[in-house]
PDB file of N, CA and C in Angstrom:
ATOM      1  N   MET A   1       0.847  -1.154  -0.038  1.00  0.00           N
ATOM      2  CA  MET A   1      -0.027  -0.039  -0.002  1.00  0.00           C
ATOM      3  C   MET A   1       0.835   1.236  -0.037  1.00  0.00           C
ATOM      4  N   ALA A   2       1.901   1.262   0.805  1.00  0.00           N
ATOM      5  CA  ALA A   2       2.767   2.413   0.851  1.00  0.00           C
ATOM      6  C   ALA A   2       3.524   2.696  -0.469  1.00  0.00           C
ATOM      7  N   GLU A   3       3.829   1.578  -1.136  1.00  0.00           N
ATOM      8  CA  GLU A   3       4.453   1.715  -2.418  1.00  0.00           C
ATOM      9  C   GLU A   3       3.562   2.285  -3.496  1.00  0.00           C
ATOM     10  N   GLU A   4       2.267   1.972  -3.407  1.00  0.00           N
ATOM     11  CA  GLU A   4       1.334   2.501  -4.345  1.00  0.00           C
ATOM     12  C   GLU A   4       1.075   3.956  -4.189  1.00  0.00           C
ATOM     13  N   SER A   5       1.037   4.422  -2.873  1.00  0.00           N
ATOM     14  CA  SER A   5       0.863   5.852  -2.680  1.00  0.00           C
ATOM     15  C   SER A   5       2.062   6.621  -3.065  1.00  0.00           C
ATOM     16  N   GLU A   6       3.278   6.038  -2.928  1.00  0.00           N
ATOM     17  CA  GLU A   6       4.503   6.721  -3.376  1.00  0.00           C
ATOM     18  C   GLU A   6       4.514   6.857  -4.865  1.00  0.00           C
ATOM     19  N   THR A   7       4.103   5.818  -5.531  1.00  0.00           N
ATOM     20  CA  THR A   7       3.962   5.790  -7.025  1.00  0.00           C
ATOM     21  C   THR A   7       2.984   6.862  -7.503  1.00  0.00           C
ATOM     22  N   GLU A   8       1.823   6.945  -6.839  1.00  0.00           N
ATOM     23  CA  GLU A   8       0.810   7.962  -7.205  1.00  0.00           C
ATOM     24  C   GLU A   8       1.363   9.361  -6.971  1.00  0.00           C
ATOM     25  N   GLU A   9       2.068   9.554  -5.845  1.00  0.00           N
ATOM     26  CA  GLU A   9       2.614  10.856  -5.594  1.00  0.00           C
ATOM     27  C   GLU A   9       3.649  11.273  -6.628  1.00  0.00           C
ATOM     28  N   GLU A  10       4.481  10.327  -7.070  1.00  0.00           N
ATOM     29  CA  GLU A  10       5.490  10.472  -8.115  1.00  0.00           C
ATOM     30  C   GLU A  10       4.792  10.936  -9.437  1.00  0.00           C
ATOM     31  N   ASP A  11       3.672  10.155  -9.824  1.00  0.00           N
ATOM     32  CA  ASP A  11       2.993  10.488 -10.977  1.00  0.00           C
ATOM     33  C   ASP A  11       2.376  11.950 -10.935  1.00  0.00           C
ATOM     34  N   GLU A  12       1.820  12.282  -9.765  1.00  0.00           N
ATOM     35  CA  GLU A  12       1.282  13.557  -9.657  1.00  0.00           C
ATOM     36  C   GLU A  12       2.326  14.701  -9.749  1.00  0.00           C
ATOM     37  N   ASP A  13       3.540  14.392  -9.210  1.00  0.00           N
ATOM     38  CA  ASP A  13       4.657  15.345  -9.378  1.00  0.00           C
ATOM     39  C   ASP A  13       4.978  15.526 -10.884  1.00  0.00           C
ATOM     40  N   ILE A  14       5.048  14.479 -11.619  1.00  0.00           N
ATOM     41  CA  ILE A  14       5.356  14.516 -13.025  1.00  0.00           C
ATOM     42  C   ILE A  14       4.242  15.303 -13.730  1.00  0.00           C
ATOM     43  N   TYR A  15       2.992  15.124 -13.434  1.00  0.00           N
ATOM     44  CA  TYR A  15       1.959  15.893 -14.104  1.00  0.00           C
ATOM     45  C   TYR A  15       2.046  17.336 -13.705  1.00  0.00           C
ATOM     46  N   GLN A  16       2.399  17.652 -12.444  1.00  0.00           N
ATOM     47  CA  GLN A  16       2.538  19.019 -12.038  1.00  0.00           C
ATOM     48  C   GLN A  16       3.679  19.704 -12.792  1.00  0.00           C
ATOM     49  N   PHE A  17       4.683  18.940 -13.126  1.00  0.00           N
ATOM     50  CA  PHE A  17       5.755  19.507 -13.883  1.00  0.00           C
ATOM     51  C   PHE A  17       5.363  19.885 -15.275  1.00  0.00           C
ATOM     52  N   PHE A  18       4.373  19.285 -15.840  1.00  0.00           N
ATOM     53  CA  PHE A  18       3.933  19.508 -17.173  1.00  0.00           C
ATOM     54  C   PHE A  18       2.696  20.459 -17.241  1.00  0.00           C
ATOM     55  N   THR A  19       2.363  21.059 -16.118  1.00  0.00           N
ATOM     56  CA  THR A  19       1.323  22.116 -16.236  1.00  0.00           C
ATOM     57  C   THR A  19       1.974  23.485 -16.369  1.00  0.00           C
ATOM     58  N   LEU A  20       1.383  24.304 -17.084  1.00  0.00           N
ATOM     59  CA  LEU A  20       1.905  25.674 -17.354  1.00  0.00           C
ATOM     60  C   LEU A  20       1.162  26.708 -16.472  1.00  0.00           C
ATOM     61  N   PRO A  21       1.941  27.470 -15.785  1.00  0.00           N
ATOM     62  CA  PRO A  21       1.320  28.468 -14.867  1.00  0.00           C
ATOM     63  C   PRO A  21       0.429  29.447 -15.710  1.00  0.00           C
ATOM     64  N   GLU A  22      -0.598  29.891 -15.084  1.00  0.00           N
ATOM     65  CA  GLU A  22      -1.590  30.713 -15.840  1.00  0.00           C
ATOM     66  C   GLU A  22      -1.131  32.009 -16.426  1.00  0.00           C
ATOM     67  N   ASN A  23      -0.368  32.786 -15.695  1.00  0.00           N
ATOM     68  CA  ASN A  23       0.009  34.116 -16.221  1.00  0.00           C
ATOM     69  C   ASN A  23       1.574  34.254 -16.344  1.00  0.00           C
ATOM     70  N   SER A  24       2.189  33.144 -16.750  1.00  0.00           N
ATOM     71  CA  SER A  24       3.634  33.155 -16.884  1.00  0.00           C
ATOM     72  C   SER A  24       4.063  33.921 -18.148  1.00  0.00           C
ATOM     73  N   ALA A  25       5.334  34.280 -18.211  1.00  0.00           N
ATOM     74  CA  ALA A  25       5.853  35.073 -19.367  1.00  0.00           C
ATOM     75  C   ALA A  25       5.655  34.171 -20.666  1.00  0.00           C
ATOM     76  N   PHE A  26       5.818  32.839 -20.506  1.00  0.00           N
ATOM     77  CA  PHE A  26       5.618  31.949 -21.682  1.00  0.00           C
ATOM     78  C   PHE A  26       4.192  32.043 -22.162  1.00  0.00           C
ATOM     79  N   GLN A  27       3.206  32.052 -21.221  1.00  0.00           N
ATOM     80  CA  GLN A  27       1.827  32.103 -21.653  1.00  0.00           C
ATOM     81  C   GLN A  27       1.530  33.433 -22.351  1.00  0.00           C
ATOM     82  N   ILE A  28       2.071  34.521 -21.878  1.00  0.00           N
ATOM     83  CA  ILE A  28       1.774  35.829 -22.431  1.00  0.00           C
ATOM     84  C   ILE A  28       2.452  35.850 -23.835  1.00  0.00           C
ATOM     85  N   PHE A  29       3.664  35.407 -23.969  1.00  0.00           N
ATOM     86  CA  PHE A  29       4.320  35.377 -25.264  1.00  0.00           C
ATOM     87  C   PHE A  29       3.490  34.506 -26.278  1.00  0.00           C
ATOM     88  N   CYS A  30       2.989  33.385 -25.859  1.00  0.00           N
ATOM     89  CA  CYS A  30       2.216  32.546 -26.695  1.00  0.00           C
ATOM     90  C   CYS A  30       0.947  33.191 -27.109  1.00  0.00           C
ATOM     91  N   THR A  31       0.295  33.978 -26.245  1.00  0.00           N
ATOM     92  CA  THR A  31      -0.938  34.671 -26.576  1.00  0.00           C
ATOM     93  C   THR A  31      -0.673  35.744 -27.593  1.00  0.00           C
ATOM     94  N   TYR A  32       0.444  36.518 -27.460  1.00  0.00           N
ATOM     95  CA  TYR A  32       0.761  37.531 -28.484  1.00  0.00           C
ATOM     96  C   TYR A  32       1.111  36.898 -29.830  1.00  0.00           C
ATOM     97  N   LEU A  33       1.853  35.744 -29.800  1.00  0.00           N
ATOM     98  CA  LEU A  33       2.178  35.081 -31.054  1.00  0.00           C
ATOM     99  C   LEU A  33       0.908  34.579 -31.759  1.00  0.00           C
ATOM    100  N   ILE A  34       0.013  34.042 -31.027  1.00  0.00           N
ATOM    101  CA  ILE A  34      -1.295  33.547 -31.597  1.00  0.00           C
ATOM    102  C   ILE A  34      -2.023  34.714 -32.237  1.00  0.00           C
ATOM    103  N   ILE A  35      -2.106  35.850 -31.506  1.00  0.00           N
ATOM    104  CA  ILE A  35      -2.825  36.976 -32.002  1.00  0.00           C
ATOM    105  C   ILE A  35      -2.199  37.472 -33.387  1.00  0.00           C
ATOM    106  N   ILE A  36      -0.859  37.532 -33.405  1.00  0.00           N
ATOM    107  CA  ILE A  36      -0.164  37.933 -34.577  1.00  0.00           C
ATOM    108  C   ILE A  36      -0.403  36.946 -35.760  1.00  0.00           C
ATOM    109  N   CYS A  37      -0.361  35.638 -35.420  1.00  0.00           N
ATOM    110  CA  CYS A  37      -0.619  34.655 -36.427  1.00  0.00           C
ATOM    111  C   CYS A  37      -2.058  34.692 -36.915  1.00  0.00           C
ATOM    112  N   CYS A  38      -3.013  34.896 -36.076  1.00  0.00           N
ATOM    113  CA  CYS A  38      -4.395  34.970 -36.484  1.00  0.00           C
ATOM    114  C   CYS A  38      -4.662  36.144 -37.459  1.00  0.00           C
ATOM    115  N   ILE A  39      -4.086  37.277 -37.100  1.00  0.00           N
ATOM    116  CA  ILE A  39      -4.282  38.507 -37.964  1.00  0.00           C
ATOM    117  C   ILE A  39      -3.530  38.238 -39.384  1.00  0.00           C
ATOM    118  N   THR A  40      -2.348  37.829 -39.302  1.00  0.00           N
ATOM    119  CA  THR A  40      -1.537  37.612 -40.513  1.00  0.00           C
ATOM    120  C   THR A  40      -2.188  36.535 -41.423  1.00  0.00           C
ATOM    121  N   SER A  41      -2.632  35.486 -40.799  1.00  0.00           N
ATOM    122  CA  SER A  41      -3.195  34.361 -41.633  1.00  0.00           C
ATOM    123  C   SER A  41      -4.544  34.754 -42.208  1.00  0.00           C
ATOM    124  N   SER A  42      -5.273  35.571 -41.439  1.00  0.00           N
ATOM    125  CA  SER A  42      -6.567  36.099 -41.981  1.00  0.00           C
ATOM    126  C   SER A  42      -6.313  36.918 -43.323  1.00  0.00           C
ATOM    127  N   TYR A  43      -5.424  37.798 -43.247  1.00  0.00           N
ATOM    128  CA  TYR A  43      -5.043  38.537 -44.488  1.00  0.00           C
ATOM    129  C   TYR A  43      -4.556  37.672 -45.587  1.00  0.00           C
ATOM    130  N   MET A  44      -3.732  36.751 -45.227  1.00  0.00           N
ATOM    131  CA  MET A  44      -3.139  35.862 -46.251  1.00  0.00           C
ATOM    132  C   MET A  44      -4.178  35.013 -46.928  1.00  0.00           C
ATOM    133  N   TYR A  45      -5.145  34.421 -46.152  1.00  0.00           N
ATOM    134  CA  TYR A  45      -6.137  33.595 -46.697  1.00  0.00           C
ATOM    135  C   TYR A  45      -7.205  34.428 -47.452  1.00  0.00           C
ATOM    136  N   ALA A  46      -7.419  35.658 -47.030  1.00  0.00           N
ATOM    137  CA  ALA A  46      -8.316  36.513 -47.814  1.00  0.00           C
ATOM    138  C   ALA A  46      -7.744  36.836 -49.132  1.00  0.00           C
ATOM    139  N   TYR A  47      -6.415  37.081 -49.189  1.00  0.00           N
ATOM    140  CA  TYR A  47      -5.711  37.290 -50.386  1.00  0.00           C
ATOM    141  C   TYR A  47      -5.755  36.138 -51.348  1.00  0.00           C
ATOM    142  N   LEU A  48      -5.572  34.916 -50.803  1.00  0.00           N
ATOM    143  CA  LEU A  48      -5.677  33.745 -51.595  1.00  0.00           C
ATOM    144  C   LEU A  48      -7.069  33.492 -52.049  1.00  0.00           C
ATOM    145  N   GLY A  49      -8.056  33.839 -51.234  1.00  0.00           N
ATOM    146  CA  GLY A  49      -9.428  33.676 -51.596  1.00  0.00           C
ATOM    147  C   GLY A  49      -9.871  34.601 -52.764  1.00  0.00           C
ATOM    148  N   ALA A  50      -9.256  35.763 -52.681  1.00  0.00           N
ATOM    149  CA  ALA A  50      -9.597  36.786 -53.763  1.00  0.00           C
ATOM    150  C   ALA A  50      -8.887  36.487 -55.105  1.00  0.00           C
ATOM    151  N   PHE A  51      -7.649  36.094 -55.009  1.00  0.00           N
ATOM    152  CA  PHE A  51      -6.823  35.918 -56.194  1.00  0.00           C
ATOM    153  C   PHE A  51      -6.598  34.449 -56.634  1.00  0.00           C
ATOM    154  N   GLY A  52      -7.102  33.560 -55.834  1.00  0.00           N
ATOM    155  CA  GLY A  52      -6.955  32.132 -56.177  1.00  0.00           C
ATOM    156  C   GLY A  52      -5.614  31.618 -55.948  1.00  0.00           C
ATOM    157  N   ALA A  53      -5.507  30.284 -56.199  1.00  0.00           N
ATOM    158  CA  ALA A  53      -4.270  29.500 -55.932  1.00  0.00           C
ATOM    159  C   ALA A  53      -3.125  29.968 -56.838  1.00  0.00           C
ATOM    160  N   LYS A  54      -3.493  30.594 -57.951  1.00  0.00           N
ATOM    161  CA  LYS A  54      -2.476  31.131 -58.885  1.00  0.00           C
ATOM    162  C   LYS A  54      -1.545  32.135 -58.227  1.00  0.00           C
ATOM    163  N   ALA A  55      -2.057  32.834 -57.201  1.00  0.00           N
ATOM    164  CA  ALA A  55      -1.326  33.866 -56.418  1.00  0.00           C
ATOM    165  C   ALA A  55      -0.380  33.266 -55.470  1.00  0.00           C
ATOM    166  N   SER A  56      -0.423  31.971 -55.290  1.00  0.00           N
ATOM    167  CA  SER A  56       0.394  31.213 -54.276  1.00  0.00           C
ATOM    168  C   SER A  56       1.852  31.313 -54.626  1.00  0.00           C
ATOM    169  N   THR A  57       2.688  31.459 -53.603  1.00  0.00           N
ATOM    170  CA  THR A  57       4.163  31.506 -53.721  1.00  0.00           C
ATOM    171  C   THR A  57       4.699  30.529 -52.654  1.00  0.00           C
ATOM    172  N   PRO A  58       5.932  30.121 -52.809  1.00  0.00           N
ATOM    173  CA  PRO A  58       6.584  29.292 -51.745  1.00  0.00           C
ATOM    174  C   PRO A  58       6.492  29.993 -50.390  1.00  0.00           C
ATOM    175  N   LEU A  59       6.563  31.243 -50.345  1.00  0.00           N
ATOM    176  CA  LEU A  59       6.432  31.968 -49.037  1.00  0.00           C
ATOM    177  C   LEU A  59       5.083  31.798 -48.421  1.00  0.00           C
ATOM    178  N   ILE A  60       4.075  31.920 -49.273  1.00  0.00           N
ATOM    179  CA  ILE A  60       2.661  31.660 -48.724  1.00  0.00           C
ATOM    180  C   ILE A  60       2.438  30.218 -48.293  1.00  0.00           C
ATOM    181  N   GLU A  61       3.031  29.290 -49.015  1.00  0.00           N
ATOM    182  CA  GLU A  61       2.890  27.894 -48.678  1.00  0.00           C
ATOM    183  C   GLU A  61       3.658  27.576 -47.322  1.00  0.00           C
ATOM    184  N   GLY A  62       4.816  28.209 -47.196  1.00  0.00           N
ATOM    185  CA  GLY A  62       5.492  28.018 -46.028  1.00  0.00           C
ATOM    186  C   GLY A  62       4.911  28.699 -44.821  1.00  0.00           C
ATOM    187  N   LEU A  63       4.283  29.867 -45.017  1.00  0.00           N
ATOM    188  CA  LEU A  63       3.611  30.478 -43.914  1.00  0.00           C
ATOM    189  C   LEU A  63       2.321  29.689 -43.506  1.00  0.00           C
ATOM    190  N   SER A  64       1.671  29.085 -44.513  1.00  0.00           N
ATOM    191  CA  SER A  64       0.529  28.317 -44.158  1.00  0.00           C
ATOM    192  C   SER A  64       0.890  27.035 -43.304  1.00  0.00           C
ATOM    193  N   VAL A  65       2.033  26.407 -43.601  1.00  0.00           N
ATOM    194  CA  VAL A  65       2.472  25.289 -42.753  1.00  0.00           C
ATOM    195  C   VAL A  65       2.853  25.845 -41.377  1.00  0.00           C
ATOM    196  N   PHE A  66       3.585  26.984 -41.325  1.00  0.00           N
ATOM    197  CA  PHE A  66       3.961  27.572 -40.048  1.00  0.00           C
ATOM    198  C   PHE A  66       2.730  27.846 -39.199  1.00  0.00           C
ATOM    199  N   PHE A  67       1.704  28.461 -39.776  1.00  0.00           N
ATOM    200  CA  PHE A  67       0.453  28.743 -38.985  1.00  0.00           C
ATOM    201  C   PHE A  67      -0.229  27.511 -38.494  1.00  0.00           C
ATOM    202  N   ASP A  68      -0.214  26.482 -39.352  1.00  0.00           N
ATOM    203  CA  ASP A  68      -0.844  25.168 -38.890  1.00  0.00           C
ATOM    204  C   ASP A  68      -0.072  24.587 -37.674  1.00  0.00           C
ATOM    205  N   ILE A  69       1.227  24.696 -37.744  1.00  0.00           N
ATOM    206  CA  ILE A  69       2.042  24.144 -36.620  1.00  0.00           C
ATOM    207  C   ILE A  69       1.813  24.981 -35.351  1.00  0.00           C
ATOM    208  N   VAL A  70       1.783  26.359 -35.503  1.00  0.00           N
ATOM    209  CA  VAL A  70       1.577  27.277 -34.362  1.00  0.00           C
ATOM    210  C   VAL A  70       0.221  27.005 -33.726  1.00  0.00           C
ATOM    211  N   PHE A  71      -0.816  26.855 -34.544  1.00  0.00           N
ATOM    212  CA  PHE A  71      -2.178  26.640 -34.006  1.00  0.00           C
ATOM    213  C   PHE A  71      -2.257  25.301 -33.360  1.00  0.00           C
ATOM    214  N   ALA A  72      -1.623  24.333 -33.869  1.00  0.00           N
ATOM    215  CA  ALA A  72      -1.638  22.937 -33.262  1.00  0.00           C
ATOM    216  C   ALA A  72      -0.883  23.003 -31.940  1.00  0.00           C
ATOM    217  N   LEU A  73       0.247  23.683 -31.836  1.00  0.00           N
ATOM    218  CA  LEU A  73       0.921  23.763 -30.591  1.00  0.00           C
ATOM    219  C   LEU A  73       0.181  24.585 -29.516  1.00  0.00           C
ATOM    220  N   ASP A  74      -0.671  25.513 -30.035  1.00  0.00           N
ATOM    221  CA  ASP A  74      -1.516  26.347 -29.107  1.00  0.00           C
ATOM    222  C   ASP A  74      -2.542  25.428 -28.489  1.00  0.00           C
ATOM    223  N   ILE A  75      -3.102  24.502 -29.287  1.00  0.00           N
ATOM    224  CA  ILE A  75      -4.113  23.609 -28.745  1.00  0.00           C
ATOM    225  C   ILE A  75      -3.457  22.766 -27.647  1.00  0.00           C
ATOM    226  N   LEU A  76      -2.268  22.202 -27.902  1.00  0.00           N
ATOM    227  CA  LEU A  76      -1.571  21.459 -26.904  1.00  0.00           C
ATOM    228  C   LEU A  76      -1.286  22.257 -25.696  1.00  0.00           C
ATOM    229  N   ARG A  77      -0.831  23.464 -25.873  1.00  0.00           N
ATOM    230  CA  ARG A  77      -0.500  24.467 -24.744  1.00  0.00           C
ATOM    231  C   ARG A  77      -1.764  24.619 -23.842  1.00  0.00           C
ATOM    232  N   LYS A  78      -2.919  24.767 -24.426  1.00  0.00           N
ATOM    233  CA  LYS A  78      -4.115  24.971 -23.695  1.00  0.00           C
ATOM    234  C   LYS A  78      -4.545  23.721 -22.925  1.00  0.00           C
ATOM    235  N   PHE A  79      -4.194  22.528 -23.397  1.00  0.00           N
ATOM    236  CA  PHE A  79      -4.483  21.277 -22.584  1.00  0.00           C
ATOM    237  C   PHE A  79      -3.535  21.279 -21.418  1.00  0.00           C
ATOM    238  N   LEU A  80      -2.453  22.017 -21.326  1.00  0.00           N
ATOM    239  CA  LEU A  80      -1.546  21.952 -20.274  1.00  0.00           C
ATOM    240  C   LEU A  80      -1.576  23.130 -19.353  1.00  0.00           C
ATOM    241  N   SER A  81      -2.430  24.105 -19.646  1.00  0.00           N
ATOM    242  CA  SER A  81      -2.462  25.368 -18.941  1.00  0.00           C
ATOM    243  C   SER A  81      -3.326  25.379 -17.712  1.00  0.00           C
ATOM    244  N   GLN A  82      -2.803  25.798 -16.592  1.00  0.00           N
ATOM    245  CA  GLN A  82      -3.620  25.953 -15.418  1.00  0.00           C
ATOM    246  C   GLN A  82      -4.617  27.046 -15.537  1.00  0.00           C
ATOM    247  N   TYR A  83      -5.637  27.005 -14.735  1.00  0.00           N
ATOM    248  CA  TYR A  83      -6.615  28.078 -14.776  1.00  0.00           C
ATOM    249  C   TYR A  83      -7.171  28.270 -13.348  1.00  0.00           C
ATOM    250  N   SER A  84      -7.718  29.383 -13.082  1.00  0.00           N
ATOM    251  CA  SER A  84      -8.279  29.649 -11.718  1.00  0.00           C
ATOM    252  C   SER A  84      -9.787  29.742 -11.897  1.00  0.00           C
ATOM    253  N   GLU A  85     -10.484  29.088 -11.010  1.00  0.00           N
ATOM    254  CA  GLU A  85     -11.989  29.076 -10.947  1.00  0.00           C
ATOM    255  C   GLU A  85     -12.440  30.383 -10.356  1.00  0.00           C
ATOM    256  N   LYS A  86     -13.638  30.783 -10.815  1.00  0.00           N
ATOM    257  CA  LYS A  86     -14.179  32.026 -10.305  1.00  0.00           C
ATOM    258  C   LYS A  86     -14.292  32.023  -8.849  1.00  0.00           C
ATOM    259  N   GLY A  87     -13.815  33.097  -8.196  1.00  0.00           N
ATOM    260  CA  GLY A  87     -13.937  33.107  -6.643  1.00  0.00           C
ATOM    261  C   GLY A  87     -12.815  32.464  -5.992  1.00  0.00           C
ATOM    262  N   SER A  88     -11.862  31.834  -6.727  1.00  0.00           N
ATOM    263  CA  SER A  88     -10.765  31.189  -6.062  1.00  0.00           C
ATOM    264  C   SER A  88      -9.419  31.773  -6.572  1.00  0.00           C
ATOM    265  N   SER A  89      -8.494  31.881  -5.656  1.00  0.00           N
ATOM    266  CA  SER A  89      -7.168  32.379  -6.091  1.00  0.00           C
ATOM    267  C   SER A  89      -6.246  31.245  -6.346  1.00  0.00           C
ATOM    268  N   LEU A  90      -6.553  29.966  -6.089  1.00  0.00           N
ATOM    269  CA  LEU A  90      -5.684  28.883  -6.287  1.00  0.00           C
ATOM    270  C   LEU A  90      -5.839  28.320  -7.719  1.00  0.00           C
ATOM    271  N   PRO A  91      -4.826  28.037  -8.407  1.00  0.00           N
ATOM    272  CA  PRO A  91      -4.916  27.524  -9.772  1.00  0.00           C
ATOM    273  C   PRO A  91      -5.334  26.088  -9.768  1.00  0.00           C
ATOM    274  N   VAL A  92      -6.024  25.644 -10.748  1.00  0.00           N
ATOM    275  CA  VAL A  92      -6.430  24.321 -10.921  1.00  0.00           C
ATOM    276  C   VAL A  92      -5.340  23.627 -11.683  1.00  0.00           C
ATOM    277  N   LYS A  93      -4.729  22.532 -11.155  1.00  0.00           N
ATOM    278  CA  LYS A  93      -3.524  21.945 -11.718  1.00  0.00           C
ATOM    279  C   LYS A  93      -3.878  20.487 -12.194  1.00  0.00           C
ATOM    280  N   ASP A  94      -5.097  20.057 -11.902  1.00  0.00           N
ATOM    281  CA  ASP A  94      -5.444  18.679 -12.251  1.00  0.00           C
ATOM    282  C   ASP A  94      -5.685  18.614 -13.824  1.00  0.00           C
ATOM    283  N   HIS A  95      -4.931  17.720 -14.446  1.00  0.00           N
ATOM    284  CA  HIS A  95      -5.040  17.629 -15.910  1.00  0.00           C
ATOM    285  C   HIS A  95      -6.461  17.207 -16.391  1.00  0.00           C
ATOM    286  N   THR A  96      -7.115  16.383 -15.639  1.00  0.00           N
ATOM    287  CA  THR A  96      -8.424  16.002 -16.024  1.00  0.00           C
ATOM    288  C   THR A  96      -9.408  17.155 -16.019  1.00  0.00           C
ATOM    289  N   LYS A  97      -9.347  18.035 -15.014  1.00  0.00           N
ATOM    290  CA  LYS A  97     -10.198  19.229 -14.933  1.00  0.00           C
ATOM    291  C   LYS A  97      -9.827  20.172 -16.059  1.00  0.00           C
ATOM    292  N   ILE A  98      -8.534  20.346 -16.251  1.00  0.00           N
ATOM    293  CA  ILE A  98      -8.096  21.306 -17.306  1.00  0.00           C
ATOM    294  C   ILE A  98      -8.608  20.810 -18.656  1.00  0.00           C
ATOM    295  N   ARG A  99      -8.446  19.577 -18.883  1.00  0.00           N
ATOM    296  CA  ARG A  99      -8.950  18.995 -20.214  1.00  0.00           C
ATOM    297  C   ARG A  99     -10.448  19.135 -20.400  1.00  0.00           C
ATOM    298  N   GLN A 100     -11.216  18.823 -19.355  1.00  0.00           N
ATOM    299  CA  GLN A 100     -12.603  18.932 -19.358  1.00  0.00           C
ATOM    300  C   GLN A 100     -13.104  20.401 -19.650  1.00  0.00           C
ATOM    301  N   LYS A 101     -12.429  21.300 -18.948  1.00  0.00           N
ATOM    302  CA  LYS A 101     -12.847  22.698 -19.094  1.00  0.00           C
ATOM    303  C   LYS A 101     -12.527  23.168 -20.564  1.00  0.00           C
ATOM    304  N   TYR A 102     -11.345  22.854 -21.040  1.00  0.00           N
ATOM    305  CA  TYR A 102     -10.893  23.303 -22.361  1.00  0.00           C
ATOM    306  C   TYR A 102     -11.831  22.668 -23.450  1.00  0.00           C
ATOM    307  N   MET A 103     -12.156  21.346 -23.320  1.00  0.00           N
ATOM    308  CA  MET A 103     -13.013  20.721 -24.305  1.00  0.00           C
ATOM    309  C   MET A 103     -14.396  21.292 -24.300  1.00  0.00           C
ATOM    310  N   ARG A 104     -14.904  21.696 -23.131  1.00  0.00           N
ATOM    311  CA  ARG A 104     -16.231  22.213 -22.959  1.00  0.00           C
ATOM    312  C   ARG A 104     -16.334  23.705 -23.486  1.00  0.00           C
ATOM    313  N   GLU A 105     -15.225  24.466 -23.336  1.00  0.00           N
ATOM    314  CA  GLU A 105     -15.317  25.878 -23.579  1.00  0.00           C
ATOM    315  C   GLU A 105     -14.654  26.360 -24.939  1.00  0.00           C
ATOM    316  N   ASP A 106     -13.385  26.028 -25.124  1.00  0.00           N
ATOM    317  CA  ASP A 106     -12.666  26.672 -26.225  1.00  0.00           C
ATOM    318  C   ASP A 106     -12.126  25.715 -27.332  1.00  0.00           C
ATOM    319  N   PHE A 107     -12.189  24.444 -27.071  1.00  0.00           N
ATOM    320  CA  PHE A 107     -11.487  23.510 -28.002  1.00  0.00           C
ATOM    321  C   PHE A 107     -12.048  23.634 -29.379  1.00  0.00           C
ATOM    322  N   TRP A 108     -13.339  23.654 -29.596  1.00  0.00           N
ATOM    323  CA  TRP A 108     -13.896  23.620 -30.964  1.00  0.00           C
ATOM    324  C   TRP A 108     -13.588  24.812 -31.770  1.00  0.00           C
ATOM    325  N   SER A 109     -13.543  25.969 -31.126  1.00  0.00           N
ATOM    326  CA  SER A 109     -13.219  27.246 -31.875  1.00  0.00           C
ATOM    327  C   SER A 109     -11.720  27.142 -32.228  1.00  0.00           C
ATOM    328  N   ASP A 110     -10.839  26.638 -31.327  1.00  0.00           N
ATOM    329  CA  ASP A 110      -9.463  26.429 -31.701  1.00  0.00           C
ATOM    330  C   ASP A 110      -9.294  25.432 -32.834  1.00  0.00           C
ATOM    331  N   PHE A 111     -10.050  24.351 -32.818  1.00  0.00           N
ATOM    332  CA  PHE A 111      -9.966  23.298 -33.765  1.00  0.00           C
ATOM    333  C   PHE A 111     -10.306  23.821 -35.190  1.00  0.00           C
ATOM    334  N   VAL A 112     -11.355  24.643 -35.243  1.00  0.00           N
ATOM    335  CA  VAL A 112     -11.722  25.180 -36.549  1.00  0.00           C
ATOM    336  C   VAL A 112     -10.579  26.047 -37.117  1.00  0.00           C
ATOM    337  N   VAL A 113     -10.012  26.836 -36.223  1.00  0.00           N
ATOM    338  CA  VAL A 113      -8.903  27.720 -36.694  1.00  0.00           C
ATOM    339  C   VAL A 113      -7.797  26.830 -37.191  1.00  0.00           C
ATOM    340  N   TRP A 114      -7.547  25.735 -36.583  1.00  0.00           N
ATOM    341  CA  TRP A 114      -6.442  24.909 -36.867  1.00  0.00           C
ATOM    342  C   TRP A 114      -6.618  24.127 -38.238  1.00  0.00           C
ATOM    343  N   LEU A 115      -7.878  23.986 -38.730  1.00  0.00           N
ATOM    344  CA  LEU A 115      -8.064  23.195 -39.909  1.00  0.00           C
ATOM    345  C   LEU A 115      -7.245  23.778 -41.095  1.00  0.00           C
ATOM    346  N   PRO A 116      -6.631  22.990 -41.861  1.00  0.00           N
ATOM    347  CA  PRO A 116      -5.758  23.540 -42.952  1.00  0.00           C
ATOM    348  C   PRO A 116      -6.569  24.133 -44.030  1.00  0.00           C
ATOM    349  N   VAL A 117      -6.573  25.498 -44.152  1.00  0.00           N
ATOM    350  CA  VAL A 117      -7.391  26.121 -45.164  1.00  0.00           C
ATOM    351  C   VAL A 117      -6.722  26.148 -46.536  1.00  0.00           C
ATOM    352  N   TYR A 118      -5.417  26.135 -46.569  1.00  0.00           N
ATOM    353  CA  TYR A 118      -4.691  26.331 -47.814  1.00  0.00           C
ATOM    354  C   TYR A 118      -5.066  25.194 -48.803  1.00  0.00           C
ATOM    355  N   PRO A 119      -5.066  23.923 -48.364  1.00  0.00           N
ATOM    356  CA  PRO A 119      -5.525  22.814 -49.328  1.00  0.00           C
ATOM    357  C   PRO A 119      -6.930  23.005 -49.856  1.00  0.00           C
ATOM    358  N   MET A 120      -7.796  23.504 -48.949  1.00  0.00           N
ATOM    359  CA  MET A 120      -9.199  23.797 -49.386  1.00  0.00           C
ATOM    360  C   MET A 120      -9.311  24.892 -50.440  1.00  0.00           C
ATOM    361  N   ILE A 121      -8.516  25.913 -50.318  1.00  0.00           N
ATOM    362  CA  ILE A 121      -8.511  26.935 -51.363  1.00  0.00           C
ATOM    363  C   ILE A 121      -7.858  26.475 -52.683  1.00  0.00           C
ATOM    364  N   GLU A 122      -6.793  25.695 -52.464  1.00  0.00           N
ATOM    365  CA  GLU A 122      -6.073  25.145 -53.640  1.00  0.00           C
ATOM    366  C   GLU A 122      -6.950  24.289 -54.490  1.00  0.00           C
ATOM    367  N   GLY A 123      -7.781  23.427 -53.779  1.00  0.00           N
ATOM    368  CA  GLY A 123      -8.558  22.405 -54.592  1.00  0.00           C
ATOM    369  C   GLY A 123      -9.721  22.946 -55.146  1.00  0.00           C
TER     370      GLY A 123
END
């Protein structure tokens, strides 16, 4: 029994290591990066929608892949990000609760943003 509780404590320590603090410098940097990528990709895809795939260049193709990677990593980051419940100053660090909250609130809007638009425009 004592060995099981030690193993569970070690697992919890490992999970705690992989949670990202709510207002860390890394979180703030990622938020700004996502905002810049959203704005830039919106203009790029509007340009491609207006002028078609013939306007495509290697730069646009590379940016499209870059945006897809950034948005996928943002989804992963949100699965690992702590949050504070209303009325509480303590962050929630339990991965199950973090995952459930993210799936319930923001996942689908992030998933739609992550869908690769470039192949849809190209085809």
